Each structure stands twice: as C-alpha cells, then as structure tokens.
C-alpha cells in the first residue's frame, strides 16, 4: 500500500474549488402538478355510480350536504334513504377525464359506519387497478381521508373509485385533477 504524505494531501485539497466538495443534502421531492380541474361534487352529471344495499336494493349515488367541504357524492342517496339501506359489496363512482399532460388526482373520501374506521377505495384507471395510491388522514376533519393517485398518462381515461365492504356510509368530495405542465 502506497502512503500519501499529509502535506501533499493538504496541498491537493486546498487547490480544489471550494464548491467541489459541497454536498447537496436537499430532499428531492416529486414535483407538484398544476391544478387544472376542480370538482366540488355538487352534481352527478356525467358520473356513473352504483351501490348495492344490505336489503338487496341497488341504486345510483346521490348528493349530500354533509361533505368534507359542502356538498358531496353520497351512497346511499340521502334523498332516497327510506327506500334503501346502507351499502354493501362493490359500490363505485366512475367518470371520464382528458389529461393534456401526465397528471394525478387528489380527492377526499369517507367510508365509515357512525364515524368508526374507514375503508380505502380501489382506484381504477381504464379498468386497471392502481397499486401505488397514497392515503393521508385529513388534518381538519378526522372522518375524511385524502387520496392521491399514482401518475396518470396523458389522454382520455375512465376513472373509477370503488369501495368494498358493508354497512358504511360512503362519501366522495373535492376531486382535484393536476397535470405536470413541465415533463417530469
């Protein structure tokens, strides 16, 4: 093994630029997309929805006034609850969206019985289950959780939020669609 003298090593280090040994310790984060569409869920126009009730009934979702932020999509339909029962099995809402650039979707959801617990929805893009979905607890309303989908390619897509289980009220609110206007 060859030995390097301390004075020679010092001379080499001092002759280097002061920025040569700087380390970039900043955290690298995925860039935030630009909000391009915001749906406050006050209408079901253009939305396909279905839920099955515990008593063997089925129907479309409705609009509730007790959303995360005002109105929301709700199963069962609060305007028809007397004829229906709590959801069971596979219940979903589905809609189409055109992405000009790659992007993602953020939305709030609640799926609970009497405010206890919650179920995370399955997210489908063009009938393909997304496996890399992020769920975050809401900071301002403990009954709701925020869902962030994985990156969605540009183009026209069918998006489906599917909830499995039984005996729970299901609500979806504040659907925000983001796009990466600069490629990532």
Foldseek 3Di string as FASTA:
>chain_A
DDDDDPVVVVVVVVPDDPCPPDDDPDDDDDDDFAWDDKDQAQDCVQKDWKFAAPVGDMDGWAWDQPDPHGIWTKPPHPVCPVVGHWTAFKIKMKHKDAAQAKWKKKKKKAWAAPLPDGFAWFKDKQNHTADDKDWAADPPDRRMIMIIGDIDGGGMIMIMTIDHGTDIMMTIGIMTIGHHPDHD
